[in-house]
Amino acid sequence: MKQCHRERSEPAPSIILSEASLRAAPKDPERSSARNQRRRRRATPGAALAGFLFLLALTAAALGAVQTPKVVISAADGAERTAVRVELAVTPGQRTFGLMYRGHLDENAGMLFIFPVMQPLKFWMRHTEIPLDMIFADSAGVVVGIVANATPYSERPVGPDAPALYVLEVNGGFCARHGVRAGDKMSFVGFDPHTNK
């Protein structure tokens, strides 16, 4: 076996760069600018997503703080009979349109008509496709009369002779199913039950 003997030669100069020398090294401004732009572009979708998630969390917190408007109906002795999620009709236009042209209303949903002054109120069913129970209440929320199963499309005005400030429209047969009757009391949750319109 032959051994090769190499003569020692000068070692190749090695390049050792320290952090300080890297920081001090002159930079190519075009390359550096392009690199920063790429970094900014990469950060933008993440920042946008973080911002969106933050706004979403704020919105959810705000919505959680606001209750869905509902009317709770209780017997004269204070026992709760039922609760209804309500849409509010507080302007003349909203009160006129009401539940017209609706083919469906969820079981525990309805529309509460709020008037600016207490007076005898009469309702009709023009363009209303589903039978409704109408619950009339005075300024204290006490039920003063009920029209049960009002006939769809009827133009005959119906309602009690007693003055009312509120009318709650729900599905036909609702009052019978839940035992709602005159003398019961409405309480309002998640909204101000007043209007000046």
C-alpha atoms as a PDB file:
ATOM      1  CA  MET A   1       0.000   0.000   0.000  1.00  0.00           C
ATOM      2  CA  LYS A   2       1.300   3.250  -1.040  1.00  0.00           C
ATOM      3  CA  GLN A   3       0.946   6.225   1.138  1.00  0.00           C
ATOM      4  CA  CYS A   4       0.640   9.601  -0.290  1.00  0.00           C
ATOM      5  CA  HIS A   5       2.452  12.143   1.509  1.00  0.00           C
ATOM      6  CA  ARG A   6       1.289  15.646   1.024  1.00  0.00           C
ATOM      7  CA  GLU A   7       3.307  18.512   1.894  1.00  0.00           C
ATOM      8  CA  ARG A   8       1.771  20.961   4.160  1.00  0.00           C
ATOM      9  CA  SER A   9       0.685  23.988   2.377  1.00  0.00           C
ATOM     10  CA  GLU A  10      -0.724  27.193   3.594  1.00  0.00           C
ATOM     11  CA  PRO A  11      -4.290  26.780   4.787  1.00  0.00           C
ATOM     12  CA  ALA A  12      -6.940  28.417   2.670  1.00  0.00           C
ATOM     13  CA  PRO A  13      -8.064  31.609   4.214  1.00  0.00           C
ATOM     14  CA  SER A  14     -11.298  31.071   6.000  1.00  0.00           C
ATOM     15  CA  ILE A  15     -13.965  33.681   6.134  1.00  0.00           C
ATOM     16  CA  ILE A  16     -15.378  34.269   9.526  1.00  0.00           C
ATOM     17  CA  LEU A  17     -18.020  36.913   9.844  1.00  0.00           C
ATOM     18  CA  SER A  18     -19.093  38.148  13.161  1.00  0.00           C
ATOM     19  CA  GLU A  19     -22.511  39.673  13.881  1.00  0.00           C
ATOM     20  CA  ALA A  20     -20.874  43.054  14.048  1.00  0.00           C
ATOM     21  CA  SER A  21     -19.297  42.640  10.651  1.00  0.00           C
ATOM     22  CA  LEU A  22     -22.627  41.503   9.214  1.00  0.00           C
ATOM     23  CA  ARG A  23     -24.362  44.563  10.582  1.00  0.00           C
ATOM     24  CA  ALA A  24     -21.632  46.798   9.305  1.00  0.00           C
ATOM     25  CA  ALA A  25     -21.539  45.228   5.867  1.00  0.00           C
ATOM     26  CA  PRO A  26     -22.816  47.564   3.203  1.00  0.00           C
ATOM     27  CA  LYS A  27     -26.299  46.600   2.058  1.00  0.00           C
ATOM     28  CA  ASP A  28     -27.680  46.612  -1.401  1.00  0.00           C
ATOM     29  CA  PRO A  29     -30.601  49.076  -1.051  1.00  0.00           C
ATOM     30  CA  GLU A  30     -32.600  47.532  -3.907  1.00  0.00           C
ATOM     31  CA  ARG A  31     -32.289  44.015  -2.483  1.00  0.00           C
ATOM     32  CA  SER A  32     -33.070  45.206   1.040  1.00  0.00           C
ATOM     33  CA  SER A  33     -36.127  47.150  -0.137  1.00  0.00           C
ATOM     34  CA  ALA A  34     -37.479  44.181  -2.087  1.00  0.00           C
ATOM     35  CA  ARG A  35     -36.962  41.918   0.940  1.00  0.00           C
ATOM     36  CA  ASN A  36     -38.851  44.359   3.202  1.00  0.00           C
ATOM     37  CA  GLN A  37     -41.705  44.589   0.713  1.00  0.00           C
ATOM     38  CA  ARG A  38     -41.975  40.766   0.653  1.00  0.00           C
ATOM     39  CA  ARG A  39     -42.043  40.746   4.464  1.00  0.00           C
ATOM     40  CA  ARG A  40     -44.731  43.425   4.508  1.00  0.00           C
ATOM     41  CA  ARG A  41     -46.782  41.498   1.959  1.00  0.00           C
ATOM     42  CA  ARG A  42     -46.464  38.319   4.023  1.00  0.00           C
ATOM     43  CA  ALA A  43     -47.490  40.131   7.205  1.00  0.00           C
ATOM     44  CA  THR A  44     -50.486  41.860   5.635  1.00  0.00           C
ATOM     45  CA  PRO A  45     -52.831  38.819   5.389  1.00  0.00           C
ATOM     46  CA  GLY A  46     -51.992  37.811   8.951  1.00  0.00           C
ATOM     47  CA  ALA A  47     -52.530  41.331  10.236  1.00  0.00           C
ATOM     48  CA  ALA A  48     -55.782  41.600   8.312  1.00  0.00           C
ATOM     49  CA  LEU A  49     -56.984  38.293   9.754  1.00  0.00           C
ATOM     50  CA  ALA A  50     -56.028  39.361  13.283  1.00  0.00           C
ATOM     51  CA  GLY A  51     -57.851  42.660  12.813  1.00  0.00           C
ATOM     52  CA  PHE A  52     -60.921  40.880  11.452  1.00  0.00           C
ATOM     53  CA  LEU A  53     -60.974  38.428  14.364  1.00  0.00           C
ATOM     54  CA  PHE A  54     -60.654  41.296  16.829  1.00  0.00           C
ATOM     55  CA  LEU A  55     -63.608  43.140  15.244  1.00  0.00           C
ATOM     56  CA  LEU A  56     -65.612  39.917  15.178  1.00  0.00           C
ATOM     57  CA  ALA A  57     -64.983  39.396  18.900  1.00  0.00           C
ATOM     58  CA  LEU A  58     -66.039  42.985  19.654  1.00  0.00           C
ATOM     59  CA  THR A  59     -69.229  42.559  17.610  1.00  0.00           C
ATOM     60  CA  ALA A  60     -70.073  39.283  19.340  1.00  0.00           C
ATOM     61  CA  ALA A  61     -69.545  40.883  22.739  1.00  0.00           C
ATOM     62  CA  ALA A  62     -71.752  43.818  21.788  1.00  0.00           C
ATOM     63  CA  LEU A  63     -74.483  41.541  20.470  1.00  0.00           C
ATOM     64  CA  GLY A  64     -74.303  39.390  23.577  1.00  0.00           C
ATOM     65  CA  ALA A  65     -74.886  42.491  25.668  1.00  0.00           C
ATOM     66  CA  VAL A  66     -78.021  43.351  23.686  1.00  0.00           C
ATOM     67  CA  GLN A  67     -80.931  41.055  24.396  1.00  0.00           C
ATOM     68  CA  THR A  68     -83.340  39.912  21.719  1.00  0.00           C
ATOM     69  CA  PRO A  69     -86.560  41.864  22.193  1.00  0.00           C
ATOM     70  CA  LYS A  70     -89.231  39.723  23.798  1.00  0.00           C
ATOM     71  CA  VAL A  71     -92.545  39.990  25.559  1.00  0.00           C
ATOM     72  CA  VAL A  72     -93.143  37.838  28.625  1.00  0.00           C
ATOM     73  CA  ILE A  73     -96.801  37.150  29.434  1.00  0.00           C
ATOM     74  CA  SER A  74     -97.610  36.317  33.048  1.00  0.00           C
ATOM     75  CA  ALA A  75    -100.833  35.354  34.809  1.00  0.00           C
ATOM     76  CA  ALA A  76    -102.402  37.732  37.334  1.00  0.00           C
ATOM     77  CA  ASP A  77    -100.630  35.785  40.123  1.00  0.00           C
ATOM     78  CA  GLY A  78     -97.237  36.441  38.484  1.00  0.00           C
ATOM     79  CA  ALA A  79     -96.659  32.922  37.080  1.00  0.00           C
ATOM     80  CA  GLU A  80     -95.070  33.113  33.640  1.00  0.00           C
ATOM     81  CA  ARG A  81     -97.307  31.721  30.900  1.00  0.00           C
ATOM     82  CA  THR A  82     -95.028  32.219  27.901  1.00  0.00           C
ATOM     83  CA  ALA A  83     -92.385  34.393  26.267  1.00  0.00           C
ATOM     84  CA  VAL A  84     -92.420  35.620  22.680  1.00  0.00           C
ATOM     85  CA  ARG A  85     -89.511  36.932  20.575  1.00  0.00           C
ATOM     86  CA  VAL A  86     -90.849  40.060  18.929  1.00  0.00           C
ATOM     87  CA  GLU A  87     -90.274  42.329  15.999  1.00  0.00           C
ATOM     88  CA  LEU A  88     -91.229  45.877  16.860  1.00  0.00           C
ATOM     89  CA  ALA A  89     -93.653  48.063  14.907  1.00  0.00           C
ATOM     90  CA  VAL A  90     -93.136  51.574  16.285  1.00  0.00           C
ATOM     91  CA  THR A  91     -93.581  53.886  13.281  1.00  0.00           C
ATOM     92  CA  PRO A  92     -96.794  54.478  11.316  1.00  0.00           C
ATOM     93  CA  GLY A  93     -95.312  52.668   8.298  1.00  0.00           C
ATOM     94  CA  GLN A  94     -94.264  49.628  10.352  1.00  0.00           C
ATOM     95  CA  ARG A  95     -97.655  49.478  12.073  1.00  0.00           C
ATOM     96  CA  THR A  96     -99.507  49.711   8.745  1.00  0.00           C
ATOM     97  CA  PHE A  97     -97.447  46.955   7.099  1.00  0.00           C
ATOM     98  CA  GLY A  98     -97.362  44.654  10.130  1.00  0.00           C
ATOM     99  CA  LEU A  99     -97.259  40.952   9.251  1.00  0.00           C
ATOM    100  CA  MET A 100     -98.700  41.321   5.744  1.00  0.00           C
ATOM    101  CA  TYR A 101     -97.469  38.937   3.049  1.00  0.00           C
ATOM    102  CA  ARG A 102     -95.888  36.510   5.521  1.00  0.00           C
ATOM    103  CA  GLY A 103     -96.535  32.833   4.880  1.00  0.00           C
ATOM    104  CA  HIS A 104     -95.040  31.689   8.193  1.00  0.00           C
ATOM    105  CA  LEU A 105     -94.457  32.846  11.759  1.00  0.00           C
ATOM    106  CA  ASP A 106     -92.410  30.792  14.237  1.00  0.00           C
ATOM    107  CA  GLU A 107     -94.363  29.416  17.225  1.00  0.00           C
ATOM    108  CA  ASN A 108     -92.819  31.686  19.868  1.00  0.00           C
ATOM    109  CA  ALA A 109     -92.437  34.711  17.627  1.00  0.00           C
ATOM    110  CA  GLY A 110     -94.633  37.699  16.972  1.00  0.00           C
ATOM    111  CA  MET A 111     -94.863  41.385  16.289  1.00  0.00           C
ATOM    112  CA  LEU A 112     -95.502  44.000  18.951  1.00  0.00           C
ATOM    113  CA  PHE A 113     -97.260  47.153  17.796  1.00  0.00           C
ATOM    114  CA  ILE A 114     -96.455  50.119  20.036  1.00  0.00           C
ATOM    115  CA  PHE A 115     -98.618  53.249  19.804  1.00  0.00           C
ATOM    116  CA  PRO A 116     -97.810  56.753  21.077  1.00  0.00           C
ATOM    117  CA  VAL A 117    -101.094  57.157  22.997  1.00  0.00           C
ATOM    118  CA  MET A 118    -103.604  54.771  24.512  1.00  0.00           C
ATOM    119  CA  GLN A 119    -106.854  54.559  22.527  1.00  0.00           C
ATOM    120  CA  PRO A 120    -109.375  51.970  21.288  1.00  0.00           C
ATOM    121  CA  LEU A 121    -107.568  50.108  18.492  1.00  0.00           C
ATOM    122  CA  LYS A 122    -109.036  48.076  15.629  1.00  0.00           C
ATOM    123  CA  PHE A 123    -106.994  45.881  13.315  1.00  0.00           C
ATOM    124  CA  TRP A 124    -107.789  44.153  10.040  1.00  0.00           C
ATOM    125  CA  MET A 125    -106.119  41.294   8.174  1.00  0.00           C
ATOM    126  CA  ARG A 126    -105.724  42.771   4.681  1.00  0.00           C
ATOM    127  CA  HIS A 127    -102.903  40.956   2.834  1.00  0.00           C
ATOM    128  CA  THR A 128    -102.196  38.823   5.915  1.00  0.00           C
ATOM    129  CA  GLU A 129    -101.803  35.202   4.833  1.00  0.00           C
ATOM    130  CA  ILE A 130    -101.834  33.416   8.206  1.00  0.00           C
ATOM    131  CA  PRO A 131    -104.423  33.388  11.023  1.00  0.00           C
ATOM    132  CA  LEU A 132    -103.333  35.475  13.999  1.00  0.00           C
ATOM    133  CA  ASP A 133    -104.224  35.986  17.635  1.00  0.00           C
ATOM    134  CA  MET A 134    -104.136  39.668  18.586  1.00  0.00           C
ATOM    135  CA  ILE A 135    -103.473  40.501  22.237  1.00  0.00           C
ATOM    136  CA  PHE A 136    -104.375  44.084  23.235  1.00  0.00           C
ATOM    137  CA  ALA A 137    -102.792  45.597  26.370  1.00  0.00           C
ATOM    138  CA  ASP A 138    -103.020  48.927  28.172  1.00  0.00           C
ATOM    139  CA  SER A 139    -100.165  51.239  29.207  1.00  0.00           C
ATOM    140  CA  ALA A 140     -99.394  49.034  32.243  1.00  0.00           C
ATOM    141  CA  GLY A 141     -99.122  45.961  29.997  1.00  0.00           C
ATOM    142  CA  VAL A 142    -102.374  44.449  31.303  1.00  0.00           C
ATOM    143  CA  VAL A 143    -104.221  42.455  28.632  1.00  0.00           C
ATOM    144  CA  VAL A 144    -107.555  44.203  27.965  1.00  0.00           C
ATOM    145  CA  GLY A 145    -108.759  41.977  25.124  1.00  0.00           C
ATOM    146  CA  ILE A 146    -107.902  39.196  22.688  1.00  0.00           C
ATOM    147  CA  VAL A 147    -109.002  38.546  19.118  1.00  0.00           C
ATOM    148  CA  ALA A 148    -108.442  34.820  18.564  1.00  0.00           C
ATOM    149  CA  ASN A 149    -107.780  33.317  15.132  1.00  0.00           C
ATOM    150  CA  ALA A 150    -108.348  36.448  13.071  1.00  0.00           C
ATOM    151  CA  THR A 151    -109.294  35.394   9.541  1.00  0.00           C
ATOM    152  CA  PRO A 152    -106.606  35.858   6.864  1.00  0.00           C
ATOM    153  CA  TYR A 153    -107.363  38.566   4.256  1.00  0.00           C
ATOM    154  CA  SER A 154    -110.379  39.888   6.185  1.00  0.00           C
ATOM    155  CA  GLU A 155    -110.925  43.642   5.935  1.00  0.00           C
ATOM    156  CA  ARG A 156    -113.301  43.718   8.900  1.00  0.00           C
ATOM    157  CA  PRO A 157    -111.759  45.806  11.742  1.00  0.00           C
ATOM    158  CA  VAL A 158    -111.523  43.806  14.983  1.00  0.00           C
ATOM    159  CA  GLY A 159    -110.441  44.655  18.520  1.00  0.00           C
ATOM    160  CA  PRO A 160    -111.814  45.313  22.018  1.00  0.00           C
ATOM    161  CA  ASP A 161    -113.600  48.525  22.982  1.00  0.00           C
ATOM    162  CA  ALA A 162    -111.112  49.135  25.822  1.00  0.00           C
ATOM    163  CA  PRO A 163    -108.227  51.524  25.056  1.00  0.00           C
ATOM    164  CA  ALA A 164    -104.851  49.900  24.385  1.00  0.00           C
ATOM    165  CA  LEU A 165    -101.271  51.010  23.870  1.00  0.00           C
ATOM    166  CA  TYR A 166     -99.854  47.659  22.742  1.00  0.00           C
ATOM    167  CA  VAL A 167    -101.011  44.935  20.364  1.00  0.00           C
ATOM    168  CA  LEU A 168     -99.083  41.662  20.192  1.00  0.00           C
ATOM    169  CA  GLU A 169     -99.755  39.563  17.078  1.00  0.00           C
ATOM    170  CA  VAL A 170     -98.892  35.864  17.307  1.00  0.00           C
ATOM    171  CA  ASN A 171     -99.930  32.693  15.466  1.00  0.00           C
ATOM    172  CA  GLY A 172    -103.613  31.817  15.538  1.00  0.00           C
ATOM    173  CA  GLY A 173    -104.433  29.550  18.483  1.00  0.00           C
ATOM    174  CA  PHE A 174    -101.408  30.770  20.495  1.00  0.00           C
ATOM    175  CA  CYS A 175    -103.514  32.191  23.344  1.00  0.00           C
ATOM    176  CA  ALA A 176    -105.498  28.945  23.707  1.00  0.00           C
ATOM    177  CA  ARG A 177    -102.300  26.834  23.681  1.00  0.00           C
ATOM    178  CA  HIS A 178    -100.661  28.976  26.390  1.00  0.00           C
ATOM    179  CA  GLY A 179    -103.737  29.926  28.427  1.00  0.00           C
ATOM    180  CA  VAL A 180    -103.318  33.661  27.738  1.00  0.00           C
ATOM    181  CA  ARG A 181    -106.416  35.691  28.752  1.00  0.00           C
ATOM    182  CA  ALA A 182    -107.625  39.158  29.691  1.00  0.00           C
ATOM    183  CA  GLY A 183    -106.088  40.316  32.975  1.00  0.00           C
ATOM    184  CA  ASP A 184    -102.684  38.721  32.224  1.00  0.00           C
ATOM    185  CA  LYS A 185     -99.728  41.079  32.135  1.00  0.00           C
ATOM    186  CA  MET A 186     -97.087  41.735  29.481  1.00  0.00           C
ATOM    187  CA  SER A 187     -93.563  42.674  30.494  1.00  0.00           C
ATOM    188  CA  PHE A 188     -90.990  43.870  28.008  1.00  0.00           C
ATOM    189  CA  VAL A 189     -87.399  42.616  27.813  1.00  0.00           C
ATOM    190  CA  GLY A 190     -84.537  44.020  25.721  1.00  0.00           C
ATOM    191  CA  PHE A 191     -86.208  47.191  24.422  1.00  0.00           C
ATOM    192  CA  ASP A 192     -87.941  50.414  25.433  1.00  0.00           C
ATOM    193  CA  PRO A 193     -91.704  49.900  24.980  1.00  0.00           C
ATOM    194  CA  HIS A 194     -92.439  53.522  24.035  1.00  0.00           C
ATOM    195  CA  THR A 195     -92.733  55.558  20.866  1.00  0.00           C
ATOM    196  CA  ASN A 196     -93.629  59.124  20.027  1.00  0.00           C
ATOM    197  CA  LYS A 197     -94.366  58.349  16.376  1.00  0.00           C
END
